[in-house]
Amino acid sequence: GTPLMEVAQSISSRLAREALAARVDGRLMDLNRPLEKDASVQFLTFEHEEGRQVYRHSTAHVMAQAVQRLFPGTRLAIGPAIADGFYYDFDPQEPFTPEDLAKIEKEMEAIIKADLPFERFELSRPEALAFFRDAGQKYKVELIEDLPPDVPLSCYRQGEFVDLCMGPHVPSTGRLKSVKLLNLAGAYW
């Protein structure tokens, strides 16, 4: 029942500051998750490729939250980490402009400064479908409908923002130190 962050802290305060996620018996997990049994645990920092992927994926969620704040009604698709950064597929009511990037980046900085915890929770398939339908997130509904019925559906919340996601994520938005949005591109669902 001990959260992984407490385990990291018991090893060293530096590890607790630098750890982004953990590999528990081969499975990536958030540091906020409790250990359920004796396990092999490896803490991941930005020095590990998997740690960088968790960092970048968490940054994509912050970008989605910033877009939702600035451009309400924008539909969300997916937001993965990639080799040198991250992206998120959006379906805005009006196309984004290059000038919007600076606004989004500034809002991301505010979200990072707020140091919002990434909170994982699970929903049943009917609950998840209802939640995302009510939110007008048709692409999330489509993703849920395409998943096998036995796949657990997890979501992450940071502040007012909730997204369908398998995770893991960094403990809080404050762990993200710098962001730079470089370009816009078109995508087709």
N, C-alpha and C. Protein backbone atom coordinates (compact mmCIF):
# COMPACT_ATOMS: atom_id res chain seq x y z
N GLY A 1 0.79 -1.22 0.00
CA GLY A 1 0.00 0.00 0.00
C GLY A 1 0.83 1.27 0.00
N THR A 2 2.14 1.17 0.01
CA THR A 2 2.99 2.37 0.02
C THR A 2 3.10 2.95 -1.38
N PRO A 3 2.81 4.25 -1.53
CA PRO A 3 2.98 4.87 -2.86
C PRO A 3 4.44 4.81 -3.31
N LEU A 4 4.65 4.65 -4.59
CA LEU A 4 6.00 4.56 -5.14
C LEU A 4 6.83 5.79 -4.80
N MET A 5 6.21 6.97 -4.74
CA MET A 5 6.95 8.18 -4.41
C MET A 5 7.57 8.07 -3.01
N GLU A 6 6.83 7.48 -2.08
CA GLU A 6 7.37 7.30 -0.72
C GLU A 6 8.54 6.32 -0.73
N VAL A 7 8.46 5.31 -1.56
CA VAL A 7 9.57 4.36 -1.67
C VAL A 7 10.80 5.10 -2.20
N ALA A 8 10.62 5.91 -3.24
CA ALA A 8 11.74 6.68 -3.80
C ALA A 8 12.32 7.60 -2.73
N GLN A 9 11.46 8.27 -1.96
CA GLN A 9 11.91 9.18 -0.91
C GLN A 9 12.71 8.44 0.16
N SER A 10 12.31 7.20 0.46
CA SER A 10 13.02 6.43 1.47
C SER A 10 14.43 6.04 1.00
N ILE A 11 14.62 6.02 -0.31
CA ILE A 11 15.94 5.70 -0.86
C ILE A 11 16.81 6.95 -0.86
N SER A 12 16.26 8.06 -1.39
CA SER A 12 17.00 9.33 -1.37
C SER A 12 16.09 10.46 -1.80
N SER A 13 16.29 11.63 -1.22
CA SER A 13 15.47 12.79 -1.59
C SER A 13 15.75 13.20 -3.03
N ARG A 14 16.99 13.01 -3.48
CA ARG A 14 17.31 13.34 -4.88
C ARG A 14 16.53 12.44 -5.83
N LEU A 15 16.49 11.14 -5.54
CA LEU A 15 15.73 10.22 -6.38
C LEU A 15 14.26 10.63 -6.41
N ALA A 16 13.70 10.98 -5.27
CA ALA A 16 12.30 11.40 -5.22
C ALA A 16 12.07 12.66 -6.06
N ARG A 17 13.03 13.58 -6.09
CA ARG A 17 12.90 14.81 -6.90
C ARG A 17 13.02 14.52 -8.39
N GLU A 18 13.89 13.58 -8.75
CA GLU A 18 14.19 13.34 -10.16
C GLU A 18 13.35 12.24 -10.81
N ALA A 19 12.80 11.35 -10.02
CA ALA A 19 12.01 10.24 -10.58
C ALA A 19 10.75 10.77 -11.25
N LEU A 20 10.43 10.22 -12.40
CA LEU A 20 9.26 10.62 -13.17
C LEU A 20 8.18 9.53 -13.16
N ALA A 21 8.61 8.29 -13.09
CA ALA A 21 7.71 7.13 -13.08
C ALA A 21 8.53 5.95 -12.58
N ALA A 22 7.92 4.78 -12.56
CA ALA A 22 8.64 3.58 -12.14
C ALA A 22 8.23 2.39 -13.00
N ARG A 23 9.13 1.45 -13.10
CA ARG A 23 8.83 0.17 -13.74
C ARG A 23 8.70 -0.82 -12.59
N VAL A 24 7.49 -1.39 -12.44
CA VAL A 24 7.19 -2.31 -11.34
C VAL A 24 6.90 -3.68 -11.95
N ASP A 25 7.77 -4.63 -11.65
CA ASP A 25 7.65 -5.97 -12.25
C ASP A 25 7.44 -5.87 -13.75
N GLY A 26 8.18 -4.98 -14.39
CA GLY A 26 8.14 -4.84 -15.84
C GLY A 26 7.06 -3.92 -16.38
N ARG A 27 6.22 -3.38 -15.50
CA ARG A 27 5.09 -2.54 -15.95
C ARG A 27 5.31 -1.09 -15.52
N LEU A 28 5.15 -0.14 -16.45
CA LEU A 28 5.30 1.27 -16.13
C LEU A 28 4.15 1.74 -15.25
N MET A 29 4.49 2.51 -14.21
CA MET A 29 3.47 3.00 -13.28
C MET A 29 3.78 4.41 -12.84
N ASP A 30 2.72 5.13 -12.46
CA ASP A 30 2.85 6.46 -11.86
C ASP A 30 3.47 6.33 -10.48
N LEU A 31 4.17 7.37 -10.06
CA LEU A 31 4.76 7.37 -8.72
C LEU A 31 3.69 7.52 -7.63
N ASN A 32 2.51 7.98 -7.98
CA ASN A 32 1.42 8.12 -7.00
C ASN A 32 0.73 6.79 -6.72
N ARG A 33 0.98 5.77 -7.55
CA ARG A 33 0.33 4.47 -7.37
C ARG A 33 0.97 3.71 -6.21
N PRO A 34 0.15 3.00 -5.44
CA PRO A 34 0.70 2.22 -4.33
C PRO A 34 1.23 0.88 -4.80
N LEU A 35 2.25 0.40 -4.10
CA LEU A 35 2.71 -0.97 -4.33
C LEU A 35 1.70 -1.91 -3.69
N GLU A 36 1.27 -2.91 -4.42
CA GLU A 36 0.27 -3.85 -3.92
C GLU A 36 0.89 -5.11 -3.35
N LYS A 37 2.17 -5.37 -3.70
CA LYS A 37 2.83 -6.59 -3.25
C LYS A 37 4.34 -6.38 -3.39
N ASP A 38 5.11 -7.31 -2.87
CA ASP A 38 6.55 -7.25 -3.09
C ASP A 38 6.80 -7.26 -4.58
N ALA A 39 7.73 -6.43 -5.03
CA ALA A 39 7.95 -6.31 -6.47
C ALA A 39 9.35 -5.81 -6.75
N SER A 40 9.76 -6.02 -7.97
CA SER A 40 11.00 -5.43 -8.48
C SER A 40 10.64 -4.04 -8.98
N VAL A 41 11.33 -3.00 -8.47
CA VAL A 41 11.00 -1.62 -8.81
C VAL A 41 12.24 -0.92 -9.36
N GLN A 42 12.09 -0.27 -10.51
CA GLN A 42 13.14 0.57 -11.07
C GLN A 42 12.55 1.96 -11.26
N PHE A 43 13.17 2.96 -10.65
CA PHE A 43 12.70 4.33 -10.81
C PHE A 43 13.31 4.92 -12.07
N LEU A 44 12.48 5.65 -12.81
CA LEU A 44 12.88 6.22 -14.10
C LEU A 44 12.99 7.73 -14.01
N THR A 45 14.10 8.26 -14.45
CA THR A 45 14.32 9.70 -14.50
C THR A 45 14.38 10.12 -15.96
N PHE A 46 14.66 11.39 -16.20
CA PHE A 46 14.78 11.88 -17.58
C PHE A 46 15.98 11.25 -18.28
N GLU A 47 16.90 10.68 -17.53
CA GLU A 47 18.07 10.01 -18.11
C GLU A 47 17.67 8.70 -18.81
N HIS A 48 16.54 8.13 -18.45
CA HIS A 48 16.04 6.89 -19.06
C HIS A 48 15.10 7.24 -20.22
N GLU A 49 15.19 6.52 -21.30
CA GLU A 49 14.31 6.76 -22.45
C GLU A 49 12.84 6.68 -22.03
N GLU A 50 12.48 5.69 -21.22
CA GLU A 50 11.09 5.56 -20.78
C GLU A 50 10.68 6.75 -19.91
N GLY A 51 11.60 7.27 -19.12
CA GLY A 51 11.32 8.46 -18.32
C GLY A 51 11.05 9.67 -19.21
N ARG A 52 11.84 9.81 -20.26
CA ARG A 52 11.61 10.92 -21.22
C ARG A 52 10.25 10.78 -21.90
N GLN A 53 9.86 9.54 -22.21
CA GLN A 53 8.57 9.31 -22.85
C GLN A 53 7.42 9.71 -21.91
N VAL A 54 7.53 9.35 -20.63
CA VAL A 54 6.51 9.73 -19.66
C VAL A 54 6.44 11.26 -19.54
N TYR A 55 7.59 11.90 -19.47
CA TYR A 55 7.67 13.36 -19.38
C TYR A 55 6.98 14.01 -20.59
N ARG A 56 7.32 13.54 -21.78
CA ARG A 56 6.76 14.12 -23.01
C ARG A 56 5.25 13.87 -23.10
N HIS A 57 4.83 12.67 -22.72
CA HIS A 57 3.39 12.36 -22.77
C HIS A 57 2.62 13.25 -21.78
N SER A 58 3.18 13.46 -20.61
CA SER A 58 2.56 14.35 -19.62
C SER A 58 2.46 15.77 -20.17
N THR A 59 3.48 16.19 -20.89
CA THR A 59 3.48 17.52 -21.50
C THR A 59 2.38 17.64 -22.55
N ALA A 60 2.12 16.56 -23.29
CA ALA A 60 1.02 16.57 -24.25
C ALA A 60 -0.31 16.79 -23.55
N HIS A 61 -0.48 16.20 -22.37
CA HIS A 61 -1.72 16.41 -21.61
C HIS A 61 -1.85 17.86 -21.15
N VAL A 62 -0.73 18.46 -20.76
CA VAL A 62 -0.77 19.87 -20.37
C VAL A 62 -1.15 20.73 -21.57
N MET A 63 -0.64 20.39 -22.75
CA MET A 63 -1.01 21.14 -23.95
C MET A 63 -2.51 20.99 -24.22
N ALA A 64 -3.04 19.79 -24.07
CA ALA A 64 -4.47 19.58 -24.30
C ALA A 64 -5.30 20.40 -23.31
N GLN A 65 -4.87 20.46 -22.06
CA GLN A 65 -5.57 21.25 -21.06
C GLN A 65 -5.53 22.74 -21.44
N ALA A 66 -4.39 23.21 -21.88
CA ALA A 66 -4.25 24.61 -22.29
C ALA A 66 -5.16 24.91 -23.47
N VAL A 67 -5.22 24.01 -24.43
CA VAL A 67 -6.08 24.20 -25.61
C VAL A 67 -7.55 24.23 -25.18
N GLN A 68 -7.94 23.33 -24.28
CA GLN A 68 -9.33 23.32 -23.81
C GLN A 68 -9.69 24.62 -23.10
N ARG A 69 -8.74 25.17 -22.34
CA ARG A 69 -9.00 26.44 -21.65
C ARG A 69 -9.14 27.60 -22.64
N LEU A 70 -8.28 27.63 -23.63
CA LEU A 70 -8.24 28.76 -24.56
C LEU A 70 -9.26 28.63 -25.69
N PHE A 71 -9.56 27.41 -26.08
CA PHE A 71 -10.44 27.15 -27.22
C PHE A 71 -11.50 26.13 -26.82
N PRO A 72 -12.44 26.53 -25.95
CA PRO A 72 -13.48 25.60 -25.50
C PRO A 72 -14.21 24.98 -26.69
N GLY A 73 -14.57 23.73 -26.53
CA GLY A 73 -15.27 23.03 -27.60
C GLY A 73 -14.34 22.27 -28.53
N THR A 74 -13.03 22.44 -28.37
CA THR A 74 -12.08 21.68 -29.19
C THR A 74 -12.19 20.21 -28.82
N ARG A 75 -12.28 19.38 -29.84
CA ARG A 75 -12.35 17.94 -29.62
C ARG A 75 -10.93 17.38 -29.58
N LEU A 76 -10.74 16.41 -28.69
CA LEU A 76 -9.43 15.80 -28.49
C LEU A 76 -9.39 14.42 -29.12
N ALA A 77 -8.26 14.10 -29.73
CA ALA A 77 -8.06 12.75 -30.25
C ALA A 77 -7.01 12.05 -29.38
N ILE A 78 -5.75 12.02 -29.84
CA ILE A 78 -4.70 11.37 -29.06
C ILE A 78 -3.52 12.33 -28.90
N GLY A 79 -2.71 12.07 -27.87
CA GLY A 79 -1.56 12.93 -27.58
C GLY A 79 -0.36 12.14 -27.11
N PRO A 80 0.32 11.47 -28.01
CA PRO A 80 1.46 10.64 -27.59
C PRO A 80 2.79 11.39 -27.55
N ALA A 81 3.73 10.75 -26.88
CA ALA A 81 5.12 11.18 -26.94
C ALA A 81 5.70 10.64 -28.25
N ILE A 82 6.65 11.38 -28.80
CA ILE A 82 7.38 10.92 -29.98
C ILE A 82 8.87 11.04 -29.69
N ALA A 83 9.70 10.67 -30.63
CA ALA A 83 11.15 10.58 -30.41
C ALA A 83 11.75 11.84 -29.79
N ASP A 84 11.37 13.00 -30.28
CA ASP A 84 11.98 14.24 -29.80
C ASP A 84 10.98 15.20 -29.17
N GLY A 85 9.83 14.71 -28.78
CA GLY A 85 8.85 15.62 -28.19
C GLY A 85 7.50 14.97 -28.02
N PHE A 86 6.46 15.66 -28.46
CA PHE A 86 5.09 15.20 -28.27
C PHE A 86 4.21 15.92 -29.28
N TYR A 87 2.99 15.42 -29.41
CA TYR A 87 1.97 16.14 -30.17
C TYR A 87 0.63 15.76 -29.61
N TYR A 88 -0.39 16.46 -30.06
CA TYR A 88 -1.76 16.11 -29.72
C TYR A 88 -2.61 16.44 -30.93
N ASP A 89 -3.48 15.50 -31.31
CA ASP A 89 -4.40 15.74 -32.41
C ASP A 89 -5.65 16.43 -31.86
N PHE A 90 -5.93 17.61 -32.40
CA PHE A 90 -7.09 18.40 -31.99
C PHE A 90 -8.02 18.60 -33.17
N ASP A 91 -9.29 18.75 -32.87
CA ASP A 91 -10.30 19.13 -33.85
C ASP A 91 -10.96 20.40 -33.32
N PRO A 92 -10.34 21.56 -33.61
CA PRO A 92 -10.87 22.83 -33.09
C PRO A 92 -12.04 23.32 -33.94
N GLN A 93 -12.82 24.22 -33.35
CA GLN A 93 -13.93 24.81 -34.11
C GLN A 93 -13.41 25.70 -35.22
N GLU A 94 -12.30 26.39 -34.98
CA GLU A 94 -11.61 27.20 -35.98
C GLU A 94 -10.17 26.72 -36.05
N PRO A 95 -9.57 26.67 -37.24
CA PRO A 95 -8.17 26.21 -37.33
C PRO A 95 -7.24 27.08 -36.47
N PHE A 96 -6.25 26.42 -35.87
CA PHE A 96 -5.24 27.16 -35.12
C PHE A 96 -4.36 27.95 -36.08
N THR A 97 -3.84 29.04 -35.58
CA THR A 97 -2.91 29.85 -36.35
C THR A 97 -1.54 29.78 -35.69
N PRO A 98 -0.48 30.15 -36.39
CA PRO A 98 0.84 30.19 -35.74
C PRO A 98 0.85 31.09 -34.50
N GLU A 99 0.05 32.14 -34.51
CA GLU A 99 -0.01 33.03 -33.34
C GLU A 99 -0.62 32.34 -32.13
N ASP A 100 -1.49 31.35 -32.38
CA ASP A 100 -2.10 30.61 -31.28
C ASP A 100 -1.07 29.80 -30.51
N LEU A 101 0.02 29.41 -31.17
CA LEU A 101 1.04 28.62 -30.48
C LEU A 101 1.59 29.36 -29.27
N ALA A 102 1.85 30.65 -29.41
CA ALA A 102 2.38 31.44 -28.29
C ALA A 102 1.37 31.50 -27.15
N LYS A 103 0.09 31.64 -27.48
CA LYS A 103 -0.95 31.66 -26.44
C LYS A 103 -1.03 30.32 -25.71
N ILE A 104 -0.98 29.24 -26.48
CA ILE A 104 -1.05 27.90 -25.90
C ILE A 104 0.16 27.67 -25.00
N GLU A 105 1.33 28.04 -25.49
CA GLU A 105 2.56 27.87 -24.71
C GLU A 105 2.49 28.65 -23.39
N LYS A 106 1.98 29.86 -23.42
CA LYS A 106 1.86 30.68 -22.21
C LYS A 106 0.90 30.03 -21.21
N GLU A 107 -0.21 29.50 -21.71
CA GLU A 107 -1.17 28.81 -20.83
C GLU A 107 -0.55 27.53 -20.26
N MET A 108 0.24 26.83 -21.06
CA MET A 108 0.93 25.64 -20.56
C MET A 108 1.86 26.01 -19.41
N GLU A 109 2.55 27.12 -19.54
CA GLU A 109 3.45 27.57 -18.48
C GLU A 109 2.67 27.85 -17.19
N ALA A 110 1.47 28.41 -17.32
CA ALA A 110 0.64 28.67 -16.14
C ALA A 110 0.19 27.35 -15.48
N ILE A 111 -0.14 26.37 -16.29
CA ILE A 111 -0.55 25.06 -15.77
C ILE A 111 0.62 24.37 -15.08
N ILE A 112 1.80 24.48 -15.66
CA ILE A 112 3.00 23.90 -15.04
C ILE A 112 3.27 24.59 -13.71
N LYS A 113 3.19 25.91 -13.70
CA LYS A 113 3.43 26.66 -12.47
C LYS A 113 2.42 26.29 -11.38
N ALA A 114 1.20 25.96 -11.75
CA ALA A 114 0.16 25.60 -10.78
C ALA A 114 0.46 24.26 -10.09
N ASP A 115 1.37 23.47 -10.66
CA ASP A 115 1.81 22.21 -10.05
C ASP A 115 0.62 21.30 -9.72
N LEU A 116 -0.24 21.08 -10.71
CA LEU A 116 -1.43 20.25 -10.53
C LEU A 116 -1.06 18.77 -10.51
N PRO A 117 -1.57 18.00 -9.56
CA PRO A 117 -1.26 16.57 -9.56
C PRO A 117 -1.95 15.86 -10.72
N PHE A 118 -1.28 14.86 -11.29
CA PHE A 118 -1.91 13.95 -12.25
C PHE A 118 -2.56 12.86 -11.43
N GLU A 119 -3.88 12.76 -11.50
CA GLU A 119 -4.62 11.80 -10.70
C GLU A 119 -5.26 10.76 -11.62
N ARG A 120 -4.89 9.50 -11.41
CA ARG A 120 -5.41 8.40 -12.21
C ARG A 120 -6.68 7.85 -11.57
N PHE A 121 -7.66 7.53 -12.41
CA PHE A 121 -8.85 6.83 -11.93
C PHE A 121 -9.39 5.97 -13.05
N GLU A 122 -10.15 4.96 -12.69
CA GLU A 122 -10.72 4.05 -13.68
C GLU A 122 -12.22 4.24 -13.76
N LEU A 123 -12.74 4.02 -14.95
CA LEU A 123 -14.18 4.06 -15.20
C LEU A 123 -14.60 2.77 -15.86
N SER A 124 -15.83 2.35 -15.62
CA SER A 124 -16.36 1.22 -16.37
C SER A 124 -16.59 1.70 -17.80
N ARG A 125 -16.74 0.78 -18.71
CA ARG A 125 -16.98 1.16 -20.11
C ARG A 125 -18.23 2.03 -20.25
N PRO A 126 -19.37 1.67 -19.63
CA PRO A 126 -20.54 2.55 -19.74
C PRO A 126 -20.30 3.94 -19.14
N GLU A 127 -19.59 3.99 -18.00
CA GLU A 127 -19.29 5.29 -17.38
C GLU A 127 -18.40 6.14 -18.29
N ALA A 128 -17.37 5.51 -18.87
CA ALA A 128 -16.45 6.25 -19.74
C ALA A 128 -17.17 6.75 -20.99
N LEU A 129 -17.99 5.89 -21.59
CA LEU A 129 -18.73 6.31 -22.79
C LEU A 129 -19.65 7.48 -22.47
N ALA A 130 -20.36 7.40 -21.35
CA ALA A 130 -21.26 8.49 -20.96
C ALA A 130 -20.48 9.76 -20.67
N PHE A 131 -19.37 9.64 -19.95
CA PHE A 131 -18.57 10.82 -19.60
C PHE A 131 -18.10 11.55 -20.86
N PHE A 132 -17.50 10.82 -21.80
CA PHE A 132 -16.94 11.47 -22.98
C PHE A 132 -18.02 11.89 -23.98
N ARG A 133 -19.13 11.17 -24.03
CA ARG A 133 -20.26 11.64 -24.86
C ARG A 133 -20.78 12.97 -24.31
N ASP A 134 -20.99 13.03 -23.00
CA ASP A 134 -21.50 14.25 -22.36
C ASP A 134 -20.54 15.43 -22.56
N ALA A 135 -19.24 15.13 -22.66
CA ALA A 135 -18.24 16.17 -22.85
C ALA A 135 -18.09 16.55 -24.32
N GLY A 136 -18.81 15.88 -25.22
CA GLY A 136 -18.72 16.18 -26.65
C GLY A 136 -17.44 15.69 -27.28
N GLN A 137 -16.81 14.69 -26.66
CA GLN A 137 -15.53 14.18 -27.16
C GLN A 137 -15.74 12.91 -27.98
N LYS A 138 -16.22 13.10 -29.22
CA LYS A 138 -16.58 11.96 -30.07
C LYS A 138 -15.39 11.07 -30.43
N TYR A 139 -14.19 11.63 -30.51
CA TYR A 139 -13.03 10.80 -30.83
C TYR A 139 -12.67 9.89 -29.66
N LYS A 140 -12.84 10.37 -28.44
CA LYS A 140 -12.59 9.53 -27.26
C LYS A 140 -13.63 8.40 -27.22
N VAL A 141 -14.88 8.70 -27.55
CA VAL A 141 -15.92 7.66 -27.61
C VAL A 141 -15.54 6.60 -28.63
N GLU A 142 -15.06 7.04 -29.78
CA GLU A 142 -14.65 6.10 -30.83
C GLU A 142 -13.49 5.23 -30.35
N LEU A 143 -12.52 5.84 -29.67
CA LEU A 143 -11.39 5.06 -29.14
C LEU A 143 -11.87 4.00 -28.15
N ILE A 144 -12.77 4.39 -27.25
CA ILE A 144 -13.30 3.45 -26.25
C ILE A 144 -14.03 2.31 -26.95
N GLU A 145 -14.85 2.64 -27.93
CA GLU A 145 -15.62 1.61 -28.64
C GLU A 145 -14.71 0.65 -29.39
N ASP A 146 -13.53 1.10 -29.80
CA ASP A 146 -12.60 0.24 -30.54
C ASP A 146 -11.73 -0.64 -29.63
N LEU A 147 -11.73 -0.37 -28.33
CA LEU A 147 -10.93 -1.16 -27.40
C LEU A 147 -11.60 -2.49 -27.11
N PRO A 148 -10.81 -3.55 -26.88
CA PRO A 148 -11.42 -4.82 -26.48
C PRO A 148 -12.19 -4.64 -25.17
N PRO A 149 -13.28 -5.39 -24.99
CA PRO A 149 -14.14 -5.19 -23.82
C PRO A 149 -13.46 -5.44 -22.48
N ASP A 150 -12.38 -6.22 -22.46
CA ASP A 150 -11.73 -6.55 -21.18
C ASP A 150 -10.62 -5.56 -20.79
N VAL A 151 -10.38 -4.54 -21.60
CA VAL A 151 -9.32 -3.57 -21.31
C VAL A 151 -9.83 -2.58 -20.25
N PRO A 152 -9.10 -2.45 -19.11
CA PRO A 152 -9.51 -1.46 -18.12
C PRO A 152 -9.39 -0.05 -18.70
N LEU A 153 -10.34 0.80 -18.40
CA LEU A 153 -10.34 2.17 -18.93
C LEU A 153 -9.89 3.13 -17.84
N SER A 154 -8.73 3.70 -18.04
CA SER A 154 -8.22 4.66 -17.06
C SER A 154 -8.25 6.06 -17.65
N CYS A 155 -8.41 7.02 -16.75
CA CYS A 155 -8.40 8.43 -17.09
C CYS A 155 -7.44 9.13 -16.16
N TYR A 156 -7.01 10.30 -16.58
CA TYR A 156 -6.17 11.15 -15.74
C TYR A 156 -6.80 12.51 -15.63
N ARG A 157 -6.72 13.05 -14.43
CA ARG A 157 -7.22 14.39 -14.15
C ARG A 157 -6.06 15.25 -13.70
N GLN A 158 -5.98 16.46 -14.24
CA GLN A 158 -5.11 17.48 -13.68
C GLN A 158 -5.96 18.74 -13.65
N GLY A 159 -6.27 19.20 -12.44
CA GLY A 159 -7.18 20.33 -12.31
C GLY A 159 -8.54 19.98 -12.88
N GLU A 160 -9.07 20.86 -13.72
CA GLU A 160 -10.39 20.65 -14.33
C GLU A 160 -10.35 19.74 -15.55
N PHE A 161 -9.17 19.38 -16.01
CA PHE A 161 -9.01 18.63 -17.25
C PHE A 161 -8.99 17.13 -16.98
N VAL A 162 -9.74 16.38 -17.78
CA VAL A 162 -9.78 14.91 -17.69
C VAL A 162 -9.57 14.35 -19.08
N ASP A 163 -8.71 13.33 -19.17
CA ASP A 163 -8.46 12.70 -20.46
C ASP A 163 -8.42 11.18 -20.29
N LEU A 164 -8.87 10.48 -21.30
CA LEU A 164 -8.76 9.03 -21.39
C LEU A 164 -7.29 8.71 -21.64
N CYS A 165 -6.70 7.85 -20.83
CA CYS A 165 -5.27 7.61 -20.99
C CYS A 165 -4.84 6.39 -20.18
N MET A 166 -3.92 5.61 -20.75
CA MET A 166 -3.36 4.48 -20.04
C MET A 166 -2.23 4.91 -19.11
N GLY A 167 -1.64 6.09 -19.35
CA GLY A 167 -0.54 6.58 -18.52
C GLY A 167 0.73 5.81 -18.80
N PRO A 168 1.67 5.90 -17.91
CA PRO A 168 1.69 6.70 -16.69
C PRO A 168 2.06 8.15 -16.98
N HIS A 169 2.00 8.95 -15.90
CA HIS A 169 2.35 10.36 -15.98
C HIS A 169 3.28 10.74 -14.84
N VAL A 170 3.92 11.89 -15.00
CA VAL A 170 4.73 12.43 -13.91
C VAL A 170 3.79 12.74 -12.75
N PRO A 171 4.32 12.91 -11.53
CA PRO A 171 3.44 13.14 -10.38
C PRO A 171 2.58 14.40 -10.48
N SER A 172 3.14 15.47 -11.04
CA SER A 172 2.37 16.72 -11.14
C SER A 172 2.91 17.56 -12.28
N THR A 173 2.12 18.53 -12.68
CA THR A 173 2.52 19.39 -13.80
C THR A 173 3.80 20.17 -13.50
N GLY A 174 4.06 20.43 -12.22
CA GLY A 174 5.25 21.17 -11.83
C GLY A 174 6.55 20.45 -12.13
N ARG A 175 6.48 19.15 -12.40
CA ARG A 175 7.68 18.39 -12.78
C ARG A 175 8.17 18.74 -14.18
N LEU A 176 7.30 19.36 -14.96
CA LEU A 176 7.66 19.73 -16.33
C LEU A 176 8.35 21.08 -16.28
N LYS A 177 9.55 21.16 -16.79
CA LYS A 177 10.34 22.37 -16.59
C LYS A 177 10.33 23.33 -17.77
N SER A 178 10.24 22.83 -18.97
CA SER A 178 10.26 23.75 -20.10
C SER A 178 9.48 23.15 -21.26
N VAL A 179 8.81 24.00 -21.98
CA VAL A 179 8.05 23.58 -23.15
C VAL A 179 8.30 24.57 -24.28
N LYS A 180 8.27 24.06 -25.49
CA LYS A 180 8.37 24.91 -26.67
C LYS A 180 7.55 24.26 -27.76
N LEU A 181 6.53 24.97 -28.23
CA LEU A 181 5.71 24.47 -29.32
C LEU A 181 6.34 24.96 -30.62
N LEU A 182 6.57 24.03 -31.53
CA LEU A 182 7.33 24.37 -32.73
C LEU A 182 6.50 24.52 -33.99
N ASN A 183 5.43 23.75 -34.12
CA ASN A 183 4.69 23.86 -35.38
C ASN A 183 3.28 23.29 -35.28
N LEU A 184 2.52 23.61 -36.31
CA LEU A 184 1.17 23.08 -36.51
C LEU A 184 1.20 22.19 -37.72
N ALA A 185 0.38 21.16 -37.72
CA ALA A 185 0.29 20.28 -38.88
C ALA A 185 -1.15 19.79 -38.99
N GLY A 186 -1.57 19.48 -40.18
CA GLY A 186 -2.89 18.93 -40.39
C GLY A 186 -2.89 17.44 -40.15
N ALA A 187 -4.03 16.91 -39.72
CA ALA A 187 -4.17 15.48 -39.48
C ALA A 187 -5.58 15.07 -39.86
N TYR A 188 -5.73 13.80 -40.20
CA TYR A 188 -7.05 13.26 -40.53
C TYR A 188 -7.30 12.07 -39.64
N TRP A 189 -8.47 12.04 -38.99
CA TRP A 189 -8.80 10.96 -38.06
C TRP A 189 -9.04 9.70 -38.82
